[in-house]
Protein backbone atom coordinates (compact mmCIF):
# COMPACT_ATOMS: atom_id res chain seq x y z
CA MET A 1 0.00 0.00 0.00
CA PRO A 2 1.30 3.49 -0.78
CA ASP A 3 2.15 5.82 2.08
CA LEU A 4 -0.32 8.42 0.77
CA LEU A 5 -3.78 7.33 -0.32
CA MET A 6 -6.18 9.36 -2.44
CA ASP A 7 -9.90 8.84 -2.83
CA ARG A 8 -13.08 10.78 -3.68
CA PRO A 9 -15.53 10.40 -0.76
CA ALA A 10 -18.04 12.97 -2.06
CA PRO A 11 -18.70 15.01 -5.22
CA GLY A 12 -16.03 17.67 -5.62
CA VAL A 13 -14.02 16.34 -2.67
CA CYS A 14 -10.62 14.65 -2.69
CA ARG A 15 -9.23 12.97 0.45
CA LEU A 16 -5.50 12.51 1.00
CA THR A 17 -4.67 10.03 3.77
CA VAL A 18 -1.23 9.53 5.27
CA ASN A 19 -1.08 5.74 5.36
CA ARG A 20 1.62 4.90 7.91
CA PRO A 21 -0.37 3.67 10.93
CA GLU A 22 2.54 1.48 12.09
CA VAL A 23 4.46 4.67 12.96
CA ARG A 24 1.37 6.69 13.96
CA ASN A 25 1.34 8.33 10.51
CA ALA A 26 4.68 10.02 11.05
CA MET A 27 5.59 12.33 8.18
CA SER A 28 8.61 11.12 6.24
CA LEU A 29 10.12 13.54 3.76
CA ALA A 30 8.92 11.30 0.91
CA VAL A 31 5.32 11.49 2.18
CA GLN A 32 5.53 15.24 2.52
CA ARG A 33 6.85 15.54 -1.03
CA GLU A 34 4.07 13.29 -2.33
CA LEU A 35 1.46 15.34 -0.49
CA ASP A 36 2.88 18.47 -2.11
CA ARG A 37 2.81 16.83 -5.55
CA ARG A 38 -0.78 15.68 -5.17
CA LEU A 39 -1.92 19.10 -4.00
CA ALA A 40 -0.29 20.73 -7.04
CA GLU A 41 -2.32 18.40 -9.26
CA ILE A 42 -5.51 19.09 -7.32
CA ALA A 43 -4.98 22.85 -7.57
CA ALA A 44 -5.19 22.53 -11.36
CA ASP A 45 -8.23 20.23 -11.33
CA ASP A 46 -11.45 22.25 -11.50
CA VAL A 47 -13.56 19.21 -10.59
CA ILE A 48 -12.05 19.11 -7.09
CA ARG A 49 -13.34 21.96 -4.94
CA ALA A 50 -12.29 20.86 -1.44
CA VAL A 51 -9.62 18.62 0.07
CA ILE A 52 -9.57 16.47 3.20
CA VAL A 53 -6.25 15.60 4.83
CA ALA A 54 -6.39 12.61 7.19
CA GLY A 55 -4.31 9.93 8.87
CA ALA A 56 -4.99 6.21 8.54
CA GLY A 57 -6.77 4.65 11.50
CA SER A 58 -8.06 6.35 14.62
CA VAL A 59 -4.91 6.45 16.77
CA ALA A 60 -3.09 9.35 15.14
CA PHE A 61 -3.65 12.06 12.58
CA SER A 62 0.14 12.39 12.55
CA ALA A 63 2.56 12.05 15.46
CA GLY A 64 5.09 14.37 13.78
CA TYR A 65 8.18 13.90 11.67
CA ASP A 66 9.62 10.40 11.30
CA ILE A 67 12.28 10.21 14.03
CA THR A 68 13.79 7.01 12.55
CA GLU A 69 14.43 8.88 9.33
CA LEU A 70 15.82 11.87 11.21
CA ALA A 71 18.28 9.63 13.09
CA ARG A 72 19.76 8.33 9.81
CA TRP A 73 20.63 11.73 8.41
CA THR A 74 23.92 13.55 8.73
CA PRO A 75 23.73 17.12 10.09
CA SER A 76 24.07 18.43 6.54
CA GLU A 77 21.27 16.19 5.25
CA ALA A 78 19.04 17.18 8.16
CA ALA A 79 19.62 20.87 7.44
CA ASP A 80 18.79 20.42 3.76
CA ALA A 81 15.63 18.48 4.63
CA ALA A 82 14.55 21.13 7.13
CA ALA A 83 14.93 23.87 4.52
CA GLU A 84 12.91 21.85 2.01
CA ARG A 85 10.21 21.11 4.58
CA ASP A 86 9.92 24.79 5.42
CA GLU A 87 8.93 25.45 1.80
CA LEU A 88 6.59 22.45 1.68
CA VAL A 89 4.73 23.71 4.76
CA TRP A 90 4.40 27.16 3.26
CA ARG A 91 3.02 25.75 0.01
CA PHE A 92 0.51 23.69 1.97
CA TRP A 93 -0.67 26.77 3.87
CA SER A 94 -0.82 28.71 0.58
CA PHE A 95 -2.85 26.03 -1.22
CA PRO A 96 -5.72 27.97 -2.84
CA LYS A 97 -8.60 25.54 -2.30
CA PRO A 98 -10.30 24.88 1.05
CA VAL A 99 -8.74 22.15 3.19
CA VAL A 100 -10.42 20.14 5.96
CA ALA A 101 -8.21 18.32 8.48
CA ALA A 102 -9.79 15.15 9.89
CA VAL A 103 -7.88 15.09 13.19
CA ASP A 104 -8.67 11.57 14.36
CA GLY A 105 -6.37 10.87 17.31
CA THR A 106 -2.99 12.44 18.05
CA ALA A 107 -1.55 15.45 16.24
CA HIS A 108 1.89 16.28 17.58
CA GLY A 109 4.70 18.35 16.12
CA ALA A 110 4.45 18.31 12.34
CA GLY A 111 0.97 16.83 12.66
CA THR A 112 -0.21 19.91 14.52
CA ILE A 113 1.48 22.17 11.97
CA LEU A 114 -0.33 20.36 9.16
CA ALA A 115 -3.68 20.64 10.94
CA MET A 116 -3.24 24.34 11.72
CA CYS A 117 -2.57 25.08 8.05
CA ALA A 118 -6.00 23.65 7.18
CA ASP A 119 -9.08 25.86 6.99
CA ILE A 120 -11.43 23.62 8.97
CA ARG A 121 -10.34 21.12 11.63
CA VAL A 122 -12.64 18.32 12.80
CA GLY A 123 -11.97 16.30 15.96
CA ASP A 124 -13.56 14.27 18.74
CA PRO A 125 -12.78 13.46 22.41
CA ARG A 126 -9.79 11.32 21.35
CA THR A 127 -8.15 14.19 19.45
CA ARG A 128 -4.98 15.42 21.08
CA PHE A 129 -2.80 18.36 20.00
CA ALA A 130 0.69 19.41 21.05
CA VAL A 131 3.21 21.84 19.56
CA THR A 132 6.40 20.11 20.66
CA ALA A 133 9.20 22.35 19.33
CA ALA A 134 9.95 23.98 22.70
CA ARG A 135 10.87 20.56 24.11
CA TYR A 136 13.81 20.49 21.70
CA GLY A 137 14.84 24.12 21.96
CA GLY A 138 12.97 25.18 18.84
CA ALA A 139 9.94 27.22 17.78
CA ASN A 140 7.01 26.33 15.52
CA LEU A 141 3.75 28.04 14.55
CA THR A 142 4.63 31.42 16.08
CA TRP A 143 3.61 32.90 12.71
CA LEU A 144 0.14 31.36 12.64
CA LEU A 145 -1.20 29.98 15.92
CA ASP A 146 -2.13 33.33 17.49
CA SER A 147 -4.45 34.05 14.56
CA VAL A 148 -6.20 30.72 15.24
CA VAL A 149 -6.54 30.70 19.04
CA GLY A 150 -5.53 34.21 20.15
CA ALA A 151 -2.30 35.48 21.68
CA GLY A 152 -2.88 34.15 25.20
CA HIS A 153 -3.64 30.57 24.23
CA ALA A 154 -0.84 30.61 21.64
CA ARG A 155 1.77 31.63 24.21
CA ASP A 156 0.55 28.94 26.59
CA LEU A 157 0.63 26.16 23.99
CA LEU A 158 3.93 27.17 22.40
CA MET A 159 5.90 27.94 25.56
CA THR A 160 4.78 24.88 27.53
CA SER A 161 4.42 22.31 24.73
CA ARG A 162 1.56 20.85 26.72
CA ALA A 163 -0.96 18.55 25.08
CA VAL A 164 -4.65 19.44 24.95
CA ASP A 165 -7.51 17.01 24.42
CA GLY A 166 -10.33 17.40 21.94
CA ALA A 167 -12.74 19.17 24.28
CA GLU A 168 -10.22 21.85 25.23
CA ALA A 169 -9.02 22.11 21.64
CA TYR A 170 -12.57 22.93 20.53
CA ARG A 171 -13.06 25.40 23.38
CA ILE A 172 -9.95 27.44 22.50
CA GLY A 173 -10.32 27.21 18.72
CA LEU A 174 -7.82 24.54 17.68
CA LEU A 175 -10.81 22.56 16.40
CA SER A 176 -13.53 24.07 14.24
CA ARG A 177 -15.96 21.19 14.78
CA PHE A 178 -16.19 18.76 17.69
CA VAL A 179 -18.12 15.54 17.13
CA GLU A 180 -18.94 12.38 19.03
CA GLU A 181 -16.21 9.80 19.37
CA GLY A 182 -15.70 7.90 16.15
CA GLY A 183 -17.41 10.52 13.99
CA VAL A 184 -14.40 12.46 12.71
CA SER A 185 -14.15 10.89 9.26
CA SER A 186 -17.82 11.28 8.34
CA ALA A 187 -17.99 14.80 9.79
CA ALA A 188 -14.94 15.83 7.79
CA VAL A 189 -16.56 14.53 4.60
CA ASP A 190 -19.76 16.43 5.44
CA ALA A 191 -17.78 19.64 6.01
CA ALA A 192 -15.81 19.28 2.78
CA ALA A 193 -18.90 18.36 0.77
CA GLY A 194 -20.72 21.40 2.11
CA VAL A 195 -17.88 23.65 1.00
CA ALA A 196 -17.57 21.91 -2.37
CA ALA A 197 -21.27 22.53 -3.07
CA LEU A 198 -20.75 26.31 -2.99
CA PRO A 199 -19.58 28.45 -5.93
CA PRO A 200 -15.81 27.80 -5.95
CA GLU A 201 -14.67 31.28 -6.95
CA GLY A 202 -16.22 32.87 -3.88
CA VAL A 203 -14.86 30.24 -1.51
CA ARG A 204 -11.34 30.60 -2.89
CA GLU A 205 -11.59 34.38 -2.65
CA ILE A 206 -12.67 34.11 0.99
CA LYS A 207 -9.65 31.91 1.74
CA SER A 208 -7.26 34.29 -0.01
CA LEU A 209 -8.65 37.36 1.77
CA LEU A 210 -8.38 35.64 5.15
CA GLN A 211 -4.88 34.35 4.45
CA HIS A 212 -3.48 37.71 3.50
CA GLY A 213 -5.55 39.95 5.77
CA PRO A 214 -3.68 39.77 9.12
CA GLY A 215 -1.39 42.73 9.62
CA LEU A 216 -3.41 45.04 7.40
CA ASP A 217 -5.61 47.78 8.82
CA LEU A 218 -9.38 47.23 8.71
CA ARG A 219 -9.98 49.78 5.96
CA THR A 220 -7.45 48.07 3.72
CA ARG A 221 -9.02 44.69 4.39
CA TYR A 222 -12.47 46.13 3.68
CA ASP A 223 -11.30 47.71 0.41
CA ARG A 224 -9.65 44.46 -0.70
CA GLU A 225 -12.91 42.59 -0.15
CA ILE A 226 -14.92 45.17 -2.10
CA ALA A 227 -12.37 45.16 -4.94
CA ALA A 228 -12.48 41.37 -5.13
CA ALA A 229 -16.28 41.38 -5.25
CA ARG A 230 -16.33 43.96 -8.03
CA THR A 231 -13.77 42.03 -10.05
CA ARG A 232 -15.92 38.92 -9.99
CA SER A 233 -19.25 40.65 -10.58
CA ASN A 234 -20.90 41.73 -13.81
CA PRO A 235 -24.48 42.90 -14.53
CA ASP A 236 -25.64 39.43 -15.56
CA GLN A 237 -24.30 37.85 -12.38
CA ILE A 238 -25.94 40.51 -10.22
CA ALA A 239 -29.26 40.04 -12.04
CA GLY A 240 -29.00 36.29 -11.54
CA LEU A 241 -28.29 36.74 -7.83
CA VAL A 242 -31.26 39.06 -7.38
CA ALA A 243 -33.54 36.65 -9.27
CA GLY A 244 -32.34 33.73 -7.15
CA LEU A 245 -32.92 35.61 -3.90
CA ALA A 246 -36.38 36.69 -5.05
CA GLY A 247 -37.27 33.11 -5.89
CA ARG A 248 -36.16 31.88 -2.48
CA HIS A 249 -38.15 34.61 -0.78
CA ALA A 250 -41.26 33.70 -2.76
CA ARG A 251 -40.94 30.02 -1.84
CA ARG A 252 -40.70 30.88 1.86
CA ARG A 253 -43.68 33.26 1.84
CA PRO A 254 -46.67 31.87 3.79
CA THR A 255 -49.57 30.82 1.62
CA GLY A 256 -53.33 30.85 2.26
CA GLY A 257 -56.06 33.47 2.56
CA THR A 258 -56.59 36.03 5.29
CA ALA A 259 -59.60 36.47 7.50
C-alpha cells in the first residue's frame, strides 16, 4: 500500500490520507513531497473543490516527523531536509482551495502544523494536539497559531508544549468542529462536501482574503474585499443573484387566505 492514499468520498471532494499507521502516521520527507505533488495536481483540477487531509486509523492524525528517518541523516542532510520542509509547509498553507483536516487521534509536532494550516479542523474526544518544538529548543507556529486561538492561548501552547484534548481544543479554537467519538471521518466529509457545493470562486476568494488579511488595517481589508467582489461581478451575475434571492423569498412566503 502506498504511504499516501487518495480517494473521492463525495462530489467535488478529494481525500489525502497519510497511510503509515505502524508509525502513527509520522511524516517522512517522501510522504511530505508526495502530499505536495498531489496538491499541485488538485490545484489545477477544476472538478475538485475541497480537500480532506487525514491519517490512517483512529490512533493518530500524525505524530510528527519520522524520528527514525531523522536519526539516519547527517547534520548536513538534516539541514537540507529542514529547509525543504519549510517550503513544503508554506506551500501547503498557501494552497488555494479549502482544506479540511480530519484530526482523528494524536496530532503532535508536524501533525499539529499540518492541521493548523487547514481551513477547517474536525476532531472528537480522542483528538490530542501538542506543539512540541519547545521541548527540543525550537519554535514552531509562532507565525500562525495566534491568529487561530488568540495570543494568550498561543503563548501557553507554544511555551509549555503541553498537550490538549479534543474538548479543550474545541473550546480554545484549535478545532472548528467537535463531534462524538468515532465521527471524525464522516464529519470531515460532510464539512468538505458542504464547501464543495458552494460556488468555488467565492470560496477561494474568501480563503485568499483571510490568508493575507492579518497585519493590514481594517480599511485596507475592507477595500480588498470590495475590490475582489467587483472584479468577480458583472451585470448578468448581479441580475441572476437578485432573481435567485427573489425566488427563495417567494418560496418561503406563507400561503393561504386572510380572515
